[in-house]
C-alpha atoms as a PDB file:
ATOM      1  CA  UNK A   1     111.208  70.115  57.030  1.00  0.00           C
ATOM      2  CA  UNK A   2     109.521  72.676  59.280  1.00  0.00           C
ATOM      3  CA  UNK A   3     105.772  72.554  59.790  1.00  0.00           C
ATOM      4  CA  UNK A   4     103.681  75.576  58.686  1.00  0.00           C
ATOM      5  CA  UNK A   5     103.140  76.443  62.360  1.00  0.00           C
ATOM      6  CA  UNK A   6     106.865  76.381  63.046  1.00  0.00           C
ATOM      7  CA  UNK A   7     107.573  78.514  59.975  1.00  0.00           C
ATOM      8  CA  UNK A   8     104.998  81.057  61.137  1.00  0.00           C
ATOM      9  CA  UNK A   9     106.582  81.200  64.609  1.00  0.00           C
ATOM     10  CA  UNK A  10     110.008  81.804  63.075  1.00  0.00           C
ATOM     11  CA  UNK A  11     108.599  84.553  60.888  1.00  0.00           C
ATOM     12  CA  UNK A  12     107.121  86.410  63.863  1.00  0.00           C
ATOM     13  CA  UNK A  13     110.258  85.940  65.926  1.00  0.00           C
ATOM     14  CA  UNK A  14     112.481  87.235  63.150  1.00  0.00           C
ATOM     15  CA  UNK A  15     110.252  90.279  62.645  1.00  0.00           C
ATOM     16  CA  UNK A  16     110.284  91.161  66.347  1.00  0.00           C
ATOM     17  CA  UNK A  17     114.073  90.841  66.480  1.00  0.00           C
ATOM     18  CA  UNK A  18     114.416  92.932  63.324  1.00  0.00           C
ATOM     19  CA  UNK A  19     112.323  95.747  64.811  1.00  0.00           C
ATOM     20  CA  UNK A  20     114.266  95.664  68.069  1.00  0.00           C
ATOM     21  CA  UNK A  21     117.484  95.995  66.113  1.00  0.00           C
ATOM     22  CA  UNK A  22     116.076  98.868  64.066  1.00  0.00           C
ATOM     23  CA  UNK A  23     115.207 100.778  67.231  1.00  0.00           C
ATOM     24  CA  UNK A  24     118.510  99.934  68.930  1.00  0.00           C
ATOM     25  CA  UNK A  25     120.388 101.113  65.858  1.00  0.00           C
ATOM     26  CA  UNK A  26     118.383 104.357  65.840  1.00  0.00           C
ATOM     27  CA  UNK A  27     119.445 105.081  69.424  1.00  0.00           C
ATOM     28  CA  UNK A  28     123.064 104.516  68.429  1.00  0.00           C
ATOM     29  CA  UNK A  29     122.752 106.958  65.531  1.00  0.00           C
ATOM     30  CA  UNK A  30     121.039 109.493  67.806  1.00  0.00           C
ATOM     31  CA  UNK A  31     124.054 109.403  70.129  1.00  0.00           C
ATOM     32  CA  UNK A  32     126.286 110.276  67.180  1.00  0.00           C
ATOM     33  CA  UNK A  33     124.026 113.133  66.037  1.00  0.00           C
ATOM     34  CA  UNK A  34     123.781 114.930  69.388  1.00  0.00           C
ATOM     35  CA  UNK A  35     125.672 118.192  69.547  1.00  0.00           C
ATOM     36  CA  UNK A  36     128.041 118.158  72.574  1.00  0.00           C
ATOM     37  CA  UNK A  37     127.604 121.862  73.314  1.00  0.00           C
ATOM     38  CA  UNK A  38     123.810 121.574  73.243  1.00  0.00           C
ATOM     39  CA  UNK A  39     123.891 118.581  75.563  1.00  0.00           C
ATOM     40  CA  UNK A  40     126.112 120.495  77.983  1.00  0.00           C
ATOM     41  CA  UNK A  41     123.852 123.557  77.833  1.00  0.00           C
ATOM     42  CA  UNK A  42     120.749 121.448  78.414  1.00  0.00           C
ATOM     43  CA  UNK A  43     122.225 119.706  81.446  1.00  0.00           C
ATOM     44  CA  UNK A  44     123.495 123.007  82.886  1.00  0.00           C
ATOM     45  CA  UNK A  45     120.143 124.755  82.391  1.00  0.00           C
ATOM     46  CA  UNK A  46     118.276 121.958  84.136  1.00  0.00           C
ATOM     47  CA  UNK A  47     120.794 121.537  86.955  1.00  0.00           C
ATOM     48  CA  UNK A  48     120.756 125.288  87.653  1.00  0.00           C
ATOM     49  CA  UNK A  49     116.974 125.570  87.440  1.00  0.00           C
ATOM     50  CA  UNK A  50     115.609 127.264  90.529  1.00  0.00           C
ATOM     51  CA  UNK A  51     112.052 126.184  89.806  1.00  0.00           C
ATOM     52  CA  UNK A  52     110.353 123.248  88.121  1.00  0.00           C
ATOM     53  CA  UNK A  53     110.993 121.355  84.932  1.00  0.00           C
ATOM     54  CA  UNK A  54     107.848 121.322  82.802  1.00  0.00           C
ATOM     55  CA  UNK A  55     107.807 118.470  80.275  1.00  0.00           C
ATOM     56  CA  UNK A  56     105.270 118.673  77.483  1.00  0.00           C
ATOM     57  CA  UNK A  57     104.185 116.853  74.337  1.00  0.00           C
ATOM     58  CA  UNK A  58     101.057 115.588  72.592  1.00  0.00           C
ATOM     59  CA  UNK A  59      99.975 112.157  71.393  1.00  0.00           C
ATOM     60  CA  UNK A  60     102.678 109.505  71.684  1.00  0.00           C
ATOM     61  CA  UNK A  61     105.233 112.233  72.437  1.00  0.00           C
ATOM     62  CA  UNK A  62     103.005 113.211  75.367  1.00  0.00           C
ATOM     63  CA  UNK A  63     103.228 109.695  76.769  1.00  0.00           C
ATOM     64  CA  UNK A  64     107.017 109.816  76.445  1.00  0.00           C
ATOM     65  CA  UNK A  65     107.034 113.274  78.072  1.00  0.00           C
ATOM     66  CA  UNK A  66     105.105 111.915  81.058  1.00  0.00           C
ATOM     67  CA  UNK A  67     107.645 109.139  81.517  1.00  0.00           C
ATOM     68  CA  UNK A  68     110.578 111.566  81.301  1.00  0.00           C
ATOM     69  CA  UNK A  69     108.944 113.832  83.889  1.00  0.00           C
ATOM     70  CA  UNK A  70     108.455 110.894  86.245  1.00  0.00           C
ATOM     71  CA  UNK A  71     112.043 109.732  85.766  1.00  0.00           C
ATOM     72  CA  UNK A  72     113.404 113.212  86.461  1.00  0.00           C
ATOM     73  CA  UNK A  73     111.303 113.573  89.608  1.00  0.00           C
ATOM     74  CA  UNK A  74     112.240 110.158  90.963  1.00  0.00           C
ATOM     75  CA  UNK A  75     115.938 110.857  90.486  1.00  0.00           C
ATOM     76  CA  UNK A  76     116.183 114.240  92.160  1.00  0.00           C
ATOM     77  CA  UNK A  77     114.909 116.779  89.601  1.00  0.00           C
ATOM     78  CA  UNK A  78     111.463 118.225  90.303  1.00  0.00           C
ATOM     79  CA  UNK A  79     109.453 117.843  87.106  1.00  0.00           C
ATOM     80  CA  UNK A  80     105.809 117.745  86.072  1.00  0.00           C
ATOM     81  CA  UNK A  81     104.020 116.893  82.854  1.00  0.00           C
ATOM     82  CA  UNK A  82     101.707 119.529  81.381  1.00  0.00           C
ATOM     83  CA  UNK A  83      99.680 118.719  78.279  1.00  0.00           C
ATOM     84  CA  UNK A  84      99.988 121.512  75.703  1.00  0.00           C
ATOM     85  CA  UNK A  85      96.213 121.642  75.157  1.00  0.00           C
ATOM     86  CA  UNK A  86      95.657 122.100  78.882  1.00  0.00           C
ATOM     87  CA  UNK A  87      98.469 124.638  79.013  1.00  0.00           C
ATOM     88  CA  UNK A  88      96.946 127.015  76.448  1.00  0.00           C
ATOM     89  CA  UNK A  89      93.581 126.781  78.204  1.00  0.00           C
ATOM     90  CA  UNK A  90      94.746 127.800  81.673  1.00  0.00           C
ATOM     91  CA  UNK A  91      97.320 125.180  82.580  1.00  0.00           C
ATOM     92  CA  UNK A  92     100.124 127.666  81.935  1.00  0.00           C
ATOM     93  CA  UNK A  93      99.347 129.003  85.395  1.00  0.00           C
ATOM     94  CA  UNK A  94     101.705 126.385  86.845  1.00  0.00           C
ATOM     95  CA  UNK A  95     104.611 127.767  84.805  1.00  0.00           C
ATOM     96  CA  UNK A  96     106.449 130.622  86.485  1.00  0.00           C
ATOM     97  CA  UNK A  97     109.669 132.548  86.006  1.00  0.00           C
ATOM     98  CA  UNK A  98     112.567 130.302  86.971  1.00  0.00           C
ATOM     99  CA  UNK A  99     110.983 127.191  85.513  1.00  0.00           C
ATOM    100  CA  UNK A 100     112.187 125.547  82.308  1.00  0.00           C
ATOM    101  CA  UNK A 101     110.276 123.612  79.651  1.00  0.00           C
ATOM    102  CA  UNK A 102     111.318 120.443  77.845  1.00  0.00           C
ATOM    103  CA  UNK A 103     109.156 120.117  74.732  1.00  0.00           C
ATOM    104  CA  UNK A 104     108.906 116.902  72.724  1.00  0.00           C
ATOM    105  CA  UNK A 105     107.776 116.934  69.101  1.00  0.00           C
ATOM    106  CA  UNK A 106     109.050 114.778  66.279  1.00  0.00           C
ATOM    107  CA  UNK A 107     107.885 117.202  63.596  1.00  0.00           C
ATOM    108  CA  UNK A 108     108.599 120.318  65.599  1.00  0.00           C
ATOM    109  CA  UNK A 109     105.364 121.778  64.268  1.00  0.00           C
ATOM    110  CA  UNK A 110     102.875 120.649  66.907  1.00  0.00           C
ATOM    111  CA  UNK A 111     100.275 123.459  66.963  1.00  0.00           C
ATOM    112  CA  UNK A 112      99.555 123.315  70.693  1.00  0.00           C
ATOM    113  CA  UNK A 113     103.242 123.491  71.628  1.00  0.00           C
ATOM    114  CA  UNK A 114     103.878 126.385  69.242  1.00  0.00           C
ATOM    115  CA  UNK A 115     100.912 128.209  70.778  1.00  0.00           C
ATOM    116  CA  UNK A 116     102.619 127.951  74.185  1.00  0.00           C
ATOM    117  CA  UNK A 117     105.876 129.561  73.102  1.00  0.00           C
ATOM    118  CA  UNK A 118     104.891 133.272  73.254  1.00  0.00           C
ATOM    119  CA  UNK A 119     103.608 132.842  76.820  1.00  0.00           C
ATOM    120  CA  UNK A 120     106.801 131.043  77.807  1.00  0.00           C
ATOM    121  CA  UNK A 121     108.918 133.853  76.378  1.00  0.00           C
ATOM    122  CA  UNK A 122     106.952 136.404  78.397  1.00  0.00           C
ATOM    123  CA  UNK A 123     107.678 134.391  81.531  1.00  0.00           C
ATOM    124  CA  UNK A 124     111.374 134.209  80.518  1.00  0.00           C
ATOM    125  CA  UNK A 125     111.221 130.425  80.628  1.00  0.00           C
ATOM    126  CA  UNK A 126     113.984 128.576  78.790  1.00  0.00           C
ATOM    127  CA  UNK A 127     112.812 125.965  76.287  1.00  0.00           C
ATOM    128  CA  UNK A 128     114.748 122.768  75.594  1.00  0.00           C
ATOM    129  CA  UNK A 129     113.320 120.841  72.673  1.00  0.00           C
ATOM    130  CA  UNK A 130     113.772 117.177  71.840  1.00  0.00           C
ATOM    131  CA  UNK A 131     112.835 117.312  68.215  1.00  0.00           C
ATOM    132  CA  UNK A 132     113.183 115.303  65.022  1.00  0.00           C
ATOM    133  CA  UNK A 133     113.323 118.249  62.627  1.00  0.00           C
ATOM    134  CA  UNK A 134     116.096 120.779  63.232  1.00  0.00           C
ATOM    135  CA  UNK A 135     114.571 123.143  60.650  1.00  0.00           C
ATOM    136  CA  UNK A 136     111.195 123.222  62.417  1.00  0.00           C
ATOM    137  CA  UNK A 137     109.543 126.182  64.121  1.00  0.00           C
ATOM    138  CA  UNK A 138     109.981 124.622  67.563  1.00  0.00           C
ATOM    139  CA  UNK A 139     113.691 124.035  66.982  1.00  0.00           C
ATOM    140  CA  UNK A 140     114.220 127.605  65.780  1.00  0.00           C
ATOM    141  CA  UNK A 141     112.453 129.104  68.776  1.00  0.00           C
ATOM    142  CA  UNK A 142     114.080 126.879  71.420  1.00  0.00           C
ATOM    143  CA  UNK A 143     116.982 127.898  73.607  1.00  0.00           C
ATOM    144  CA  UNK A 144     118.549 124.459  73.255  1.00  0.00           C
ATOM    145  CA  UNK A 145     117.813 121.766  70.687  1.00  0.00           C
ATOM    146  CA  UNK A 146     118.503 118.052  71.197  1.00  0.00           C
ATOM    147  CA  UNK A 147     118.226 116.236  67.900  1.00  0.00           C
ATOM    148  CA  UNK A 148     116.068 113.091  67.930  1.00  0.00           C
ATOM    149  CA  UNK A 149     115.702 112.540  64.195  1.00  0.00           C
ATOM    150  CA  UNK A 150     115.336 109.035  62.774  1.00  0.00           C
ATOM    151  CA  UNK A 151     115.654 107.699  59.228  1.00  0.00           C
ATOM    152  CA  UNK A 152     112.275 105.976  59.436  1.00  0.00           C
ATOM    153  CA  UNK A 153     109.828 104.518  61.893  1.00  0.00           C
ATOM    154  CA  UNK A 154     109.927 100.821  62.714  1.00  0.00           C
ATOM    155  CA  UNK A 155     106.309 100.706  61.584  1.00  0.00           C
ATOM    156  CA  UNK A 156     106.017  98.821  58.248  1.00  0.00           C
ATOM    157  CA  UNK A 157     104.027 101.791  56.917  1.00  0.00           C
ATOM    158  CA  UNK A 158     106.528 104.303  58.336  1.00  0.00           C
ATOM    159  CA  UNK A 159     103.598 105.969  60.083  1.00  0.00           C
ATOM    160  CA  UNK A 160     103.148 104.840  63.717  1.00  0.00           C
ATOM    161  CA  UNK A 161     105.544 106.652  66.080  1.00  0.00           C
ATOM    162  CA  UNK A 162     107.907 103.876  67.144  1.00  0.00           C
ATOM    163  CA  UNK A 163     111.574 104.532  66.479  1.00  0.00           C
ATOM    164  CA  UNK A 164     111.117 108.286  66.991  1.00  0.00           C
ATOM    165  CA  UNK A 165     109.500 107.885  70.405  1.00  0.00           C
ATOM    166  CA  UNK A 166     112.119 105.329  71.458  1.00  0.00           C
ATOM    167  CA  UNK A 167     114.906 107.772  70.615  1.00  0.00           C
ATOM    168  CA  UNK A 168     113.177 110.657  72.407  1.00  0.00           C
ATOM    169  CA  UNK A 169     112.698 108.512  75.504  1.00  0.00           C
ATOM    170  CA  UNK A 170     116.331 107.373  75.431  1.00  0.00           C
ATOM    171  CA  UNK A 171     117.538 110.977  75.235  1.00  0.00           C
ATOM    172  CA  UNK A 172     115.283 111.956  78.140  1.00  0.00           C
ATOM    173  CA  UNK A 173     116.531 109.024  80.219  1.00  0.00           C
ATOM    174  CA  UNK A 174     120.152 109.868  79.409  1.00  0.00           C
ATOM    175  CA  UNK A 175     119.678 113.490  80.500  1.00  0.00           C
ATOM    176  CA  UNK A 176     117.948 112.388  83.724  1.00  0.00           C
ATOM    177  CA  UNK A 177     120.679 109.887  84.601  1.00  0.00           C
ATOM    178  CA  UNK A 178     123.405 112.454  83.866  1.00  0.00           C
ATOM    179  CA  UNK A 179     121.687 114.925  86.208  1.00  0.00           C
ATOM    180  CA  UNK A 180     121.293 112.216  88.845  1.00  0.00           C
ATOM    181  CA  UNK A 181     124.991 111.426  88.770  1.00  0.00           C
ATOM    182  CA  UNK A 182     126.077 115.075  88.728  1.00  0.00           C
ATOM    183  CA  UNK A 183     123.971 115.766  91.805  1.00  0.00           C
ATOM    184  CA  UNK A 184     125.472 112.837  93.675  1.00  0.00           C
ATOM    185  CA  UNK A 185     122.121 111.131  94.297  1.00  0.00           C
ATOM    186  CA  UNK A 186     122.668 108.173  96.639  1.00  0.00           C
ATOM    187  CA  UNK A 187     120.667 105.000  97.205  1.00  0.00           C
ATOM    188  CA  UNK A 188     119.240 106.635 100.335  1.00  0.00           C
ATOM    189  CA  UNK A 189     118.136 109.688  98.331  1.00  0.00           C
ATOM    190  CA  UNK A 190     116.585 107.460  95.687  1.00  0.00           C
ATOM    191  CA  UNK A 191     114.793 105.374  98.316  1.00  0.00           C
ATOM    192  CA  UNK A 192     113.248 108.491  99.854  1.00  0.00           C
ATOM    193  CA  UNK A 193     111.260 108.918  96.632  1.00  0.00           C
ATOM    194  CA  UNK A 194     110.429 105.206  96.313  1.00  0.00           C
ATOM    195  CA  UNK A 195     109.066 104.086  99.706  1.00  0.00           C
ATOM    196  CA  UNK A 196     106.593 101.614  98.243  1.00  0.00           C
ATOM    197  CA  UNK A 197     107.074  98.527  96.138  1.00  0.00           C
ATOM    198  CA  UNK A 198     109.904  96.028  96.200  1.00  0.00           C
ATOM    199  CA  UNK A 199     112.526  98.573  95.159  1.00  0.00           C
ATOM    200  CA  UNK A 200     111.651 101.028  97.921  1.00  0.00           C
ATOM    201  CA  UNK A 201     111.437  98.328 100.551  1.00  0.00           C
ATOM    202  CA  UNK A 202     114.794  96.946  99.552  1.00  0.00           C
ATOM    203  CA  UNK A 203     116.355 100.351 100.243  1.00  0.00           C
ATOM    204  CA  UNK A 204     114.378 101.387 103.327  1.00  0.00           C
ATOM    205  CA  UNK A 205     112.986  98.392 105.237  1.00  0.00           C
ATOM    206  CA  UNK A 206     115.071  97.583 108.328  1.00  0.00           C
ATOM    207  CA  UNK A 207     115.366  94.438 110.402  1.00  0.00           C
ATOM    208  CA  UNK A 208     113.840  96.368 113.321  1.00  0.00           C
ATOM    209  CA  UNK A 209     110.674  96.853 111.238  1.00  0.00           C
ATOM    210  CA  UNK A 210     110.124  93.100 110.888  1.00  0.00           C
ATOM    211  CA  UNK A 211     111.735  91.322 113.838  1.00  0.00           C
ATOM    212  CA  UNK A 212     109.831  89.752 116.716  1.00  0.00           C
ATOM    213  CA  UNK A 213     110.518  90.303 120.377  1.00  0.00           C
ATOM    214  CA  UNK A 214     113.239  87.889 121.394  1.00  0.00           C
ATOM    215  CA  UNK A 215     111.880  84.483 122.551  1.00  0.00           C
ATOM    216  CA  UNK A 216     114.450  83.662 125.231  1.00  0.00           C
ATOM    217  CA  UNK A 217     115.401  80.597 127.247  1.00  0.00           C
ATOM    218  CA  UNK A 218     118.387  80.051 129.542  1.00  0.00           C
ATOM    219  CA  UNK A 219     121.171  77.548 128.771  1.00  0.00           C
ATOM    220  CA  UNK A 220     119.982  75.383 131.701  1.00  0.00           C
ATOM    221  CA  UNK A 221     116.374  75.231 130.481  1.00  0.00           C
ATOM    222  CA  UNK A 222     115.223  71.612 130.102  1.00  0.00           C
ATOM    223  CA  UNK A 223     114.333  70.160 126.740  1.00  0.00           C
ATOM    224  CA  UNK A 224     110.609  69.959 127.431  1.00  0.00           C
ATOM    225  CA  UNK A 225     110.454  73.633 128.398  1.00  0.00           C
ATOM    226  CA  UNK A 226     112.381  74.465 125.226  1.00  0.00           C
ATOM    227  CA  UNK A 227     109.740  72.622 123.206  1.00  0.00           C
ATOM    228  CA  UNK A 228     106.992  74.476 125.052  1.00  0.00           C
ATOM    229  CA  UNK A 229     108.694  77.820 124.377  1.00  0.00           C
ATOM    230  CA  UNK A 230     109.055  77.086 120.664  1.00  0.00           C
ATOM    231  CA  UNK A 231     105.348  76.224 120.555  1.00  0.00           C
ATOM    232  CA  UNK A 232     104.392  79.274 122.635  1.00  0.00           C
ATOM    233  CA  UNK A 233     106.139  81.835 120.431  1.00  0.00           C
ATOM    234  CA  UNK A 234     105.376  80.056 117.124  1.00  0.00           C
ATOM    235  CA  UNK A 235     108.540  81.388 115.521  1.00  0.00           C
ATOM    236  CA  UNK A 236     110.260  78.097 114.834  1.00  0.00           C
ATOM    237  CA  UNK A 237     113.100  78.840 117.253  1.00  0.00           C
ATOM    238  CA  UNK A 238     114.097  80.303 120.599  1.00  0.00           C
ATOM    239  CA  UNK A 239     117.208  82.292 121.497  1.00  0.00           C
ATOM    240  CA  UNK A 240     119.431  80.974 124.248  1.00  0.00           C
ATOM    241  CA  UNK A 241     120.738  83.846 126.406  1.00  0.00           C
ATOM    242  CA  UNK A 242     122.862  84.104 129.534  1.00  0.00           C
ATOM    243  CA  UNK A 243     121.973  85.961 132.722  1.00  0.00           C
ATOM    244  CA  UNK A 244     123.039  89.281 131.127  1.00  0.00           C
ATOM    245  CA  UNK A 245     120.819  88.795 128.097  1.00  0.00           C
ATOM    246  CA  UNK A 246     123.735  88.068 125.801  1.00  0.00           C
ATOM    247  CA  UNK A 247     123.160  85.566 123.030  1.00  0.00           C
ATOM    248  CA  UNK A 248     124.946  82.247 123.413  1.00  0.00           C
ATOM    249  CA  UNK A 249     122.996  80.116 120.943  1.00  0.00           C
ATOM    250  CA  UNK A 250     119.722  79.300 119.216  1.00  0.00           C
ATOM    251  CA  UNK A 251     117.478  76.235 119.270  1.00  0.00           C
ATOM    252  CA  UNK A 252     115.495  75.790 116.064  1.00  0.00           C
ATOM    253  CA  UNK A 253     112.947  73.200 115.031  1.00  0.00           C
ATOM    254  CA  UNK A 254     115.777  71.544 113.144  1.00  0.00           C
ATOM    255  CA  UNK A 255     117.984  71.445 116.252  1.00  0.00           C
ATOM    256  CA  UNK A 256     115.110  69.851 118.137  1.00  0.00           C
ATOM    257  CA  UNK A 257     114.625  67.132 115.507  1.00  0.00           C
ATOM    258  CA  UNK A 258     118.327  66.382 115.356  1.00  0.00           C
ATOM    259  CA  UNK A 259     118.489  66.136 119.160  1.00  0.00           C
ATOM    260  CA  UNK A 260     115.623  63.643 119.210  1.00  0.00           C
ATOM    261  CA  UNK A 261     117.314  61.548 116.511  1.00  0.00           C
ATOM    262  CA  UNK A 262     120.611  61.573 118.418  1.00  0.00           C
ATOM    263  CA  UNK A 263     118.988  60.732 121.742  1.00  0.00           C
ATOM    264  CA  UNK A 264     116.487  58.152 120.552  1.00  0.00           C
ATOM    265  CA  UNK A 265     118.123  55.237 122.355  1.00  0.00           C
ATOM    266  CA  UNK A 266     119.514  56.994 125.406  1.00  0.00           C
ATOM    267  CA  UNK A 267     116.418  59.154 125.972  1.00  0.00           C
ATOM    268  CA  UNK A 268     115.950  62.899 126.453  1.00  0.00           C
ATOM    269  CA  UNK A 269     116.090  63.053 130.243  1.00  0.00           C
ATOM    270  CA  UNK A 270     118.457  65.710 131.490  1.00  0.00           C
ATOM    271  CA  UNK A 271     118.957  67.439 128.161  1.00  0.00           C
ATOM    272  CA  UNK A 272     119.203  71.228 128.363  1.00  0.00           C
ATOM    273  CA  UNK A 273     118.989  74.074 125.863  1.00  0.00           C
ATOM    274  CA  UNK A 274     122.764  74.383 125.937  1.00  0.00           C
ATOM    275  CA  UNK A 275     123.123  70.793 124.758  1.00  0.00           C
ATOM    276  CA  UNK A 276     120.552  71.237 122.013  1.00  0.00           C
ATOM    277  CA  UNK A 277     121.469  74.654 120.674  1.00  0.00           C
ATOM    278  CA  UNK A 278     123.567  75.859 117.776  1.00  0.00           C
ATOM    279  CA  UNK A 279     126.258  77.850 119.536  1.00  0.00           C
ATOM    280  CA  UNK A 280     127.464  81.263 118.282  1.00  0.00           C
ATOM    281  CA  UNK A 281     124.854  81.447 115.515  1.00  0.00           C
ATOM    282  CA  UNK A 282     124.893  83.923 112.646  1.00  0.00           C
ATOM    283  CA  UNK A 283     123.181  87.134 113.729  1.00  0.00           C
ATOM    284  CA  UNK A 284     121.909  90.449 112.401  1.00  0.00           C
ATOM    285  CA  UNK A 285     121.538  93.937 113.852  1.00  0.00           C
ATOM    286  CA  UNK A 286     118.255  95.884 114.145  1.00  0.00           C
ATOM    287  CA  UNK A 287     119.517  98.732 111.952  1.00  0.00           C
ATOM    288  CA  UNK A 288     120.533  96.390 109.120  1.00  0.00           C
ATOM    289  CA  UNK A 289     118.495  96.522 105.920  1.00  0.00           C
ATOM    290  CA  UNK A 290     116.057  93.617 105.776  1.00  0.00           C
ATOM    291  CA  UNK A 291     117.297  92.875 102.258  1.00  0.00           C
ATOM    292  CA  UNK A 292     120.844  92.426 103.583  1.00  0.00           C
ATOM    293  CA  UNK A 293     119.542  90.108 106.298  1.00  0.00           C
ATOM    294  CA  UNK A 294     117.814  88.063 103.599  1.00  0.00           C
ATOM    295  CA  UNK A 295     121.126  87.748 101.748  1.00  0.00           C
ATOM    296  CA  UNK A 296     122.768  86.476 104.950  1.00  0.00           C
ATOM    297  CA  UNK A 297     120.098  83.791 105.199  1.00  0.00           C
ATOM    298  CA  UNK A 298     120.195  82.718 101.559  1.00  0.00           C
ATOM    299  CA  UNK A 299     123.761  83.189 100.335  1.00  0.00           C
ATOM    300  CA  UNK A 300     125.314  80.257 102.128  1.00  0.00           C
ATOM    301  CA  UNK A 301     125.840  76.581 101.474  1.00  0.00           C
ATOM    302  CA  UNK A 302     123.163  75.682 103.998  1.00  0.00           C
ATOM    303  CA  UNK A 303     120.342  78.194 104.086  1.00  0.00           C
ATOM    304  CA  UNK A 304     118.851  79.321 107.393  1.00  0.00           C
ATOM    305  CA  UNK A 305     115.338  80.502 108.069  1.00  0.00           C
ATOM    306  CA  UNK A 306     115.761  82.477 111.324  1.00  0.00           C
ATOM    307  CA  UNK A 307     118.253  85.031 112.593  1.00  0.00           C
ATOM    308  CA  UNK A 308     118.782  86.129 116.197  1.00  0.00           C
ATOM    309  CA  UNK A 309     118.975  89.926 116.384  1.00  0.00           C
ATOM    310  CA  UNK A 310     121.527  91.488 118.717  1.00  0.00           C
ATOM    311  CA  UNK A 311     122.328  95.084 119.626  1.00  0.00           C
ATOM    312  CA  UNK A 312     125.747  96.752 119.738  1.00  0.00           C
ATOM    313  CA  UNK A 313     126.375  95.226 123.183  1.00  0.00           C
ATOM    314  CA  UNK A 314     125.613  91.688 121.943  1.00  0.00           C
ATOM    315  CA  UNK A 315     122.357  91.588 123.909  1.00  0.00           C
ATOM    316  CA  UNK A 316     119.658  89.597 122.204  1.00  0.00           C
ATOM    317  CA  UNK A 317     116.770  91.882 121.202  1.00  0.00           C
ATOM    318  CA  UNK A 318     114.763  89.886 118.672  1.00  0.00           C
ATOM    319  CA  UNK A 319     114.298  87.114 116.150  1.00  0.00           C
ATOM    320  CA  UNK A 320     113.772  87.512 112.417  1.00  0.00           C
ATOM    321  CA  UNK A 321     112.282  84.838 110.161  1.00  0.00           C
ATOM    322  CA  UNK A 322     112.744  84.608 106.412  1.00  0.00           C
ATOM    323  CA  UNK A 323     108.958  84.259 106.318  1.00  0.00           C
ATOM    324  CA  UNK A 324     108.625  87.786 107.741  1.00  0.00           C
ATOM    325  CA  UNK A 325     110.854  89.201 105.013  1.00  0.00           C
ATOM    326  CA  UNK A 326     109.007  87.384 102.236  1.00  0.00           C
ATOM    327  CA  UNK A 327     105.634  88.431 103.629  1.00  0.00           C
ATOM    328  CA  UNK A 328     106.757  92.085 103.622  1.00  0.00           C
ATOM    329  CA  UNK A 329     106.941  91.928  99.822  1.00  0.00           C
ATOM    330  CA  UNK A 330     110.694  92.404  99.673  1.00  0.00           C
END
């Protein structure tokens, strides 16, 4: 028999799952309700827009409008959020001929949005509405209508905007992603708008941005000098290069320990870097993405913590540590 505490936990869990399913189901129904010709017109109007996309809405719809504007901008469509109240008190100055407006309103009767419409018509600005009521004033006065109606809100009182805002957001995201694909936006294009944070760094940060100047020793360098070099550079390894600067191996802290273990009885006298090194080690190039270099280090049976960096002529130009990549926030 379940304890009262356990029963209460199950009740909350079941309610959360139920609400998630209600909202997921609403998105599915919204996909079925959308008019194909209106979707095509909306995408064409936005893709052919020579100006800005102005996204507007009040209350919870305003929050959703802000997110849609940010998604559009980050995926190749210049968009800004303008609050309807600000718009009718001077903010309409940012709206010019050639722009388009995406207006969000579940009821389609939001006073501030309706007050904007005459000014938008004067500017010959097309209006795309994401609206829950196809018979509303906003729907009737829009150039394109995308239906976002829902049977009821997920709110137990059927009052708090929940399902309706989820559907509106999903439609906005779907339009933005369709535009992104139609414009052929690449990872490089996306990264240009996301230089900060882990996502941006994953797409932009190069090995050359993080690597250290190559700590070099020659193959004939004695073991003690190798130890001194590892200590001097404090990188946990040194690259072994020939007289032309080409990489022939690497001596890591691990190589040093294994050499000492092997030579415990016979001694270390006469040992050279060539005898201690890992020959033909895995390498990376300066122009490689740091994220790809991290995958080289981690996606192997035996992980490695340092990578020699070589140029197109196989000359050793640096050393990259996994610590440097982690510290960068990648």
